[in-house]
Amino acid sequence: MGKVGFYLKLFLVTILMGLAVGCAETEELRGLNRRQAITIRDQSDEIDHLKKDMAMYQERANKEAEEKKRLMDELDKLAKAIGHGASVRETPEGPVIQLPEIILFDSGTAELKPEGQTALGKIVEHLKANPREGLRVDGHTDADPIVRTKYLWETNHHLAAGRALSVFKFLTSQGVDERRVYIAAYGPNRSVASNASDEGKRKNRRVEFLLVALTKAEGEGASK
């Protein structure tokens, strides 16, 4: 074989090697493209899922905001009907209507005053008009130790519980099913103002009412 033949063979071998390498690179590129296509498809599916989740969360948030506004308006209307300092405020559990001590009780006692019974009558009317709603009654006090009526109440928690129970007894005596009413006594633990002043103490002595939605079973059971 002459030099020409040798170089021709070398040239052909180089071309063949180049083609082989090129085919391998092409196949690798094809594989890479396929993987990228799968990744893009998966990312697109994930984006679609995220969009759906965001839309669902937004719809839920809108419904909760609407329900909150409806409840606030409902409670504000009820507070205005009661008068005598009744008001509505926001809490982490939802809006509540609060009645100051002076409407319901004399200092240090848990016996409902006549004007307190009149005020609670408005709440009875509301519950009867809304059979799917329940009510939690929360008793609150200031932080001053019990002195004058110590023979009745060992602590402010006992006084708060006694007042919540008095409200419970009145509501149920007026035809509200007891399964729709719950009571809680926080004493001085959930103050809304500083106990360092008389004004703050006055604000802390209160009873709050939290409306709660009953389940279908609870509502049907309570209406029987």
Protein backbone atom coordinates (compact mmCIF):
# COMPACT_ATOMS: atom_id res chain seq x y z
CA MET A 1 0.00 0.00 0.00
CA GLY A 2 1.39 3.39 -0.99
CA LYS A 3 1.34 6.57 0.97
CA VAL A 4 -1.80 7.66 -0.86
CA GLY A 5 -3.63 4.51 0.17
CA PHE A 6 -2.45 4.84 3.75
CA TYR A 7 -3.63 8.43 4.05
CA LEU A 8 -6.90 7.57 2.34
CA LYS A 9 -7.53 4.79 4.86
CA LEU A 10 -6.57 7.11 7.71
CA PHE A 11 -8.95 9.71 6.38
CA LEU A 12 -11.79 7.20 6.12
CA VAL A 13 -11.10 5.93 9.65
CA THR A 14 -11.14 9.50 10.97
CA ILE A 15 -14.43 10.19 9.22
CA LEU A 16 -15.97 7.01 10.59
CA MET A 17 -14.79 7.82 14.11
CA GLY A 18 -16.18 11.30 13.77
CA LEU A 19 -19.50 9.91 12.61
CA ALA A 20 -19.58 7.52 15.53
CA VAL A 21 -18.79 10.27 18.00
CA GLY A 22 -21.34 12.50 16.31
CA CYS A 23 -24.00 9.81 16.54
CA ALA A 24 -23.22 9.29 20.21
CA GLU A 25 -23.41 13.01 20.89
CA THR A 26 -26.63 13.25 18.90
CA GLU A 27 -28.17 10.41 20.89
CA GLU A 28 -27.01 12.04 24.12
CA LEU A 29 -28.58 15.32 23.03
CA ARG A 30 -31.78 13.49 22.18
CA GLY A 31 -31.79 11.91 25.61
CA LEU A 32 -31.14 15.26 27.22
CA ASN A 33 -33.96 16.83 25.24
CA ARG A 34 -36.32 14.03 26.29
CA ARG A 35 -35.40 14.55 29.95
CA GLN A 36 -35.83 18.30 29.62
CA ALA A 37 -39.21 17.78 27.95
CA ILE A 38 -40.32 15.52 30.83
CA THR A 39 -39.03 18.06 33.38
CA ILE A 40 -40.85 20.92 31.64
CA ARG A 41 -44.04 18.85 31.49
CA ASP A 42 -43.78 17.97 35.18
CA GLN A 43 -43.10 21.60 36.09
CA SER A 44 -46.07 22.68 33.99
CA ASP A 45 -48.30 20.15 35.76
CA GLU A 46 -47.01 21.37 39.13
CA ILE A 47 -47.71 24.99 38.17
CA ASP A 48 -51.25 24.02 37.16
CA HIS A 49 -51.76 22.27 40.51
CA LEU A 50 -50.41 25.31 42.36
CA LYS A 51 -52.73 27.60 40.43
CA LYS A 52 -55.70 25.39 41.35
CA ASP A 53 -54.63 25.31 45.00
CA MET A 54 -54.21 29.09 45.08
CA ALA A 55 -57.63 29.56 43.50
CA MET A 56 -59.14 27.19 46.09
CA TYR A 57 -57.41 28.96 48.98
CA GLN A 58 -58.50 32.34 47.65
CA GLU A 59 -62.09 31.17 47.32
CA ARG A 60 -61.97 29.82 50.87
CA ALA A 61 -60.46 33.07 52.15
CA ASN A 62 -63.16 35.07 50.38
CA LYS A 63 -65.89 32.92 51.92
CA GLU A 64 -64.35 33.26 55.38
CA ALA A 65 -64.11 37.03 54.95
CA GLU A 66 -67.75 37.18 53.83
CA GLU A 67 -68.85 35.03 56.78
CA LYS A 68 -66.83 37.15 59.17
CA LYS A 69 -68.40 40.35 57.85
CA ARG A 70 -71.86 38.79 58.04
CA LEU A 71 -71.26 37.75 61.64
CA MET A 72 -69.83 41.15 62.58
CA ASP A 73 -72.88 42.89 61.11
CA GLU A 74 -75.16 40.43 62.90
CA LEU A 75 -73.49 40.98 66.26
CA ASP A 76 -73.32 44.74 65.81
CA LYS A 77 -77.06 44.79 65.17
CA LEU A 78 -77.64 42.68 68.27
CA ALA A 79 -75.38 44.91 70.40
CA LYS A 80 -77.29 48.01 69.29
CA ALA A 81 -80.58 46.30 70.17
CA ILE A 82 -79.26 45.54 73.66
CA GLY A 83 -77.70 48.98 74.23
CA HIS A 84 -76.37 49.98 77.66
CA GLY A 85 -72.73 49.69 76.61
CA ALA A 86 -72.95 46.35 74.76
CA SER A 87 -70.29 46.20 72.06
CA VAL A 88 -68.59 43.91 69.57
CA ARG A 89 -64.89 43.15 69.39
CA GLU A 90 -62.54 40.88 67.46
CA THR A 91 -60.88 37.88 69.11
CA PRO A 92 -58.63 35.12 67.74
CA GLU A 93 -61.67 32.82 67.84
CA GLY A 94 -63.90 35.26 66.01
CA PRO A 95 -66.01 38.33 66.81
CA VAL A 96 -67.80 38.39 70.16
CA ILE A 97 -70.46 40.56 71.70
CA GLN A 98 -69.54 41.75 75.19
CA LEU A 99 -71.81 43.00 77.94
CA PRO A 100 -70.23 45.00 80.76
CA GLU A 101 -70.75 43.84 84.33
CA ILE A 102 -72.96 46.80 85.16
CA ILE A 103 -75.68 45.56 82.76
CA LEU A 104 -75.88 42.07 84.22
CA PHE A 105 -74.65 41.98 87.82
CA ASP A 106 -73.94 43.99 90.92
CA SER A 107 -70.30 44.02 92.01
CA GLY A 108 -69.11 40.69 93.38
CA THR A 109 -72.38 38.86 92.72
CA ALA A 110 -73.67 36.41 90.12
CA GLU A 111 -77.38 37.16 90.44
CA LEU A 112 -78.79 38.64 87.26
CA LYS A 113 -80.26 42.15 87.54
CA PRO A 114 -83.64 42.86 85.91
CA GLU A 115 -81.96 44.93 83.20
CA GLY A 116 -79.56 42.03 82.68
CA GLN A 117 -82.46 39.70 82.05
CA THR A 118 -83.88 42.19 79.55
CA ALA A 119 -80.53 42.34 77.75
CA LEU A 120 -80.25 38.56 77.65
CA GLY A 121 -83.78 38.41 76.29
CA LYS A 122 -82.45 39.98 73.07
CA ILE A 123 -79.90 37.17 72.81
CA VAL A 124 -82.66 34.61 73.38
CA GLU A 125 -84.64 36.15 70.51
CA HIS A 126 -81.58 35.95 68.27
CA LEU A 127 -80.93 32.30 69.09
CA LYS A 128 -84.53 31.34 68.49
CA ALA A 129 -84.42 33.08 65.12
CA ASN A 130 -81.19 31.27 64.22
CA PRO A 131 -81.59 27.62 65.25
CA ARG A 132 -78.33 26.56 63.60
CA GLU A 133 -76.27 28.79 65.89
CA GLY A 134 -74.86 27.90 69.28
CA LEU A 135 -73.41 30.20 71.91
CA ARG A 136 -70.42 30.15 74.23
CA VAL A 137 -70.76 32.30 77.34
CA ASP A 138 -67.42 33.53 78.74
CA GLY A 139 -67.15 35.00 82.24
CA HIS A 140 -64.37 37.60 82.80
CA THR A 141 -63.30 39.65 85.83
CA ASP A 142 -60.65 42.17 86.83
CA ALA A 143 -57.56 41.10 88.79
CA ASP A 144 -58.59 42.45 92.22
CA PRO A 145 -58.92 39.70 94.86
CA ILE A 146 -62.42 38.86 96.06
CA VAL A 147 -63.00 40.63 99.40
CA ARG A 148 -66.58 41.69 100.09
CA THR A 149 -68.18 38.47 98.80
CA LYS A 150 -65.34 36.12 99.74
CA TYR A 151 -67.87 33.94 101.53
CA LEU A 152 -69.44 33.24 98.12
CA TRP A 153 -66.47 33.12 95.75
CA GLU A 154 -63.04 31.86 96.64
CA THR A 155 -61.40 33.38 93.56
CA ASN A 156 -62.25 35.48 90.51
CA HIS A 157 -62.44 32.26 88.50
CA HIS A 158 -65.23 31.04 90.75
CA LEU A 159 -67.07 34.35 90.33
CA ALA A 160 -66.61 34.24 86.54
CA ALA A 161 -67.91 30.66 86.45
CA GLY A 162 -70.88 31.58 88.63
CA ARG A 163 -71.83 34.44 86.33
CA ALA A 164 -71.48 32.33 83.18
CA LEU A 165 -73.66 29.67 84.81
CA SER A 166 -76.29 32.27 85.75
CA VAL A 167 -76.45 33.36 82.11
CA PHE A 168 -76.68 29.72 81.02
CA LYS A 169 -79.57 29.08 83.42
CA PHE A 170 -81.45 32.14 82.21
CA LEU A 171 -81.03 31.33 78.51
CA THR A 172 -82.16 27.75 78.94
CA SER A 173 -85.08 28.80 81.16
CA GLN A 174 -86.29 30.91 78.24
CA GLY A 175 -86.47 27.96 75.88
CA VAL A 176 -82.95 27.79 74.44
CA ASP A 177 -81.86 24.16 74.28
CA GLU A 178 -78.99 23.60 76.70
CA ARG A 179 -77.08 21.69 73.98
CA ARG A 180 -76.67 24.99 72.17
CA VAL A 181 -75.04 26.82 75.08
CA TYR A 182 -71.54 26.35 76.47
CA ILE A 183 -69.87 28.18 79.32
CA ALA A 184 -66.27 29.14 80.11
CA ALA A 185 -64.71 31.06 82.99
CA TYR A 186 -61.49 32.98 82.37
CA GLY A 187 -61.52 35.17 85.46
CA PRO A 188 -58.76 37.79 85.05
CA ASN A 189 -56.79 35.74 82.49
CA ARG A 190 -58.09 37.44 79.33
CA SER A 191 -58.13 41.10 80.19
CA VAL A 192 -58.88 43.66 77.49
CA ALA A 193 -57.41 46.59 79.43
CA SER A 194 -54.87 47.29 82.14
CA ASN A 195 -55.95 46.49 85.70
CA ALA A 196 -53.82 49.38 86.92
CA SER A 197 -56.73 51.83 86.57
CA ASP A 198 -60.38 51.81 87.61
CA GLU A 199 -61.40 52.34 83.98
CA GLY A 200 -59.37 49.32 82.87
CA LYS A 201 -60.85 47.16 85.63
CA ARG A 202 -64.34 48.23 84.61
CA LYS A 203 -63.70 47.12 81.03
CA ASN A 204 -62.35 43.77 82.18
CA ARG A 205 -65.46 42.95 84.23
CA ARG A 206 -67.66 41.60 81.47
CA VAL A 207 -69.45 38.63 79.94
CA GLU A 208 -68.74 37.77 76.32
CA PHE A 209 -70.81 35.77 73.85
CA LEU A 210 -69.23 33.86 70.99
CA LEU A 211 -71.64 32.58 68.35
CA VAL A 212 -70.68 29.17 66.97
CA ALA A 213 -72.12 27.33 63.98
CA LEU A 214 -73.71 24.02 64.92
CA THR A 215 -73.24 20.96 62.75
CA LYS A 216 -76.32 19.66 60.99
CA ALA A 217 -76.64 16.84 63.53
CA GLU A 218 -76.23 19.22 66.48
CA GLY A 219 -78.77 21.64 65.07
CA GLU A 220 -81.33 18.90 64.43
CA GLY A 221 -80.73 17.38 67.87
CA ALA A 222 -81.13 20.69 69.65
CA SER A 223 -84.33 21.54 67.78
CA LYS A 224 -86.13 18.37 68.93
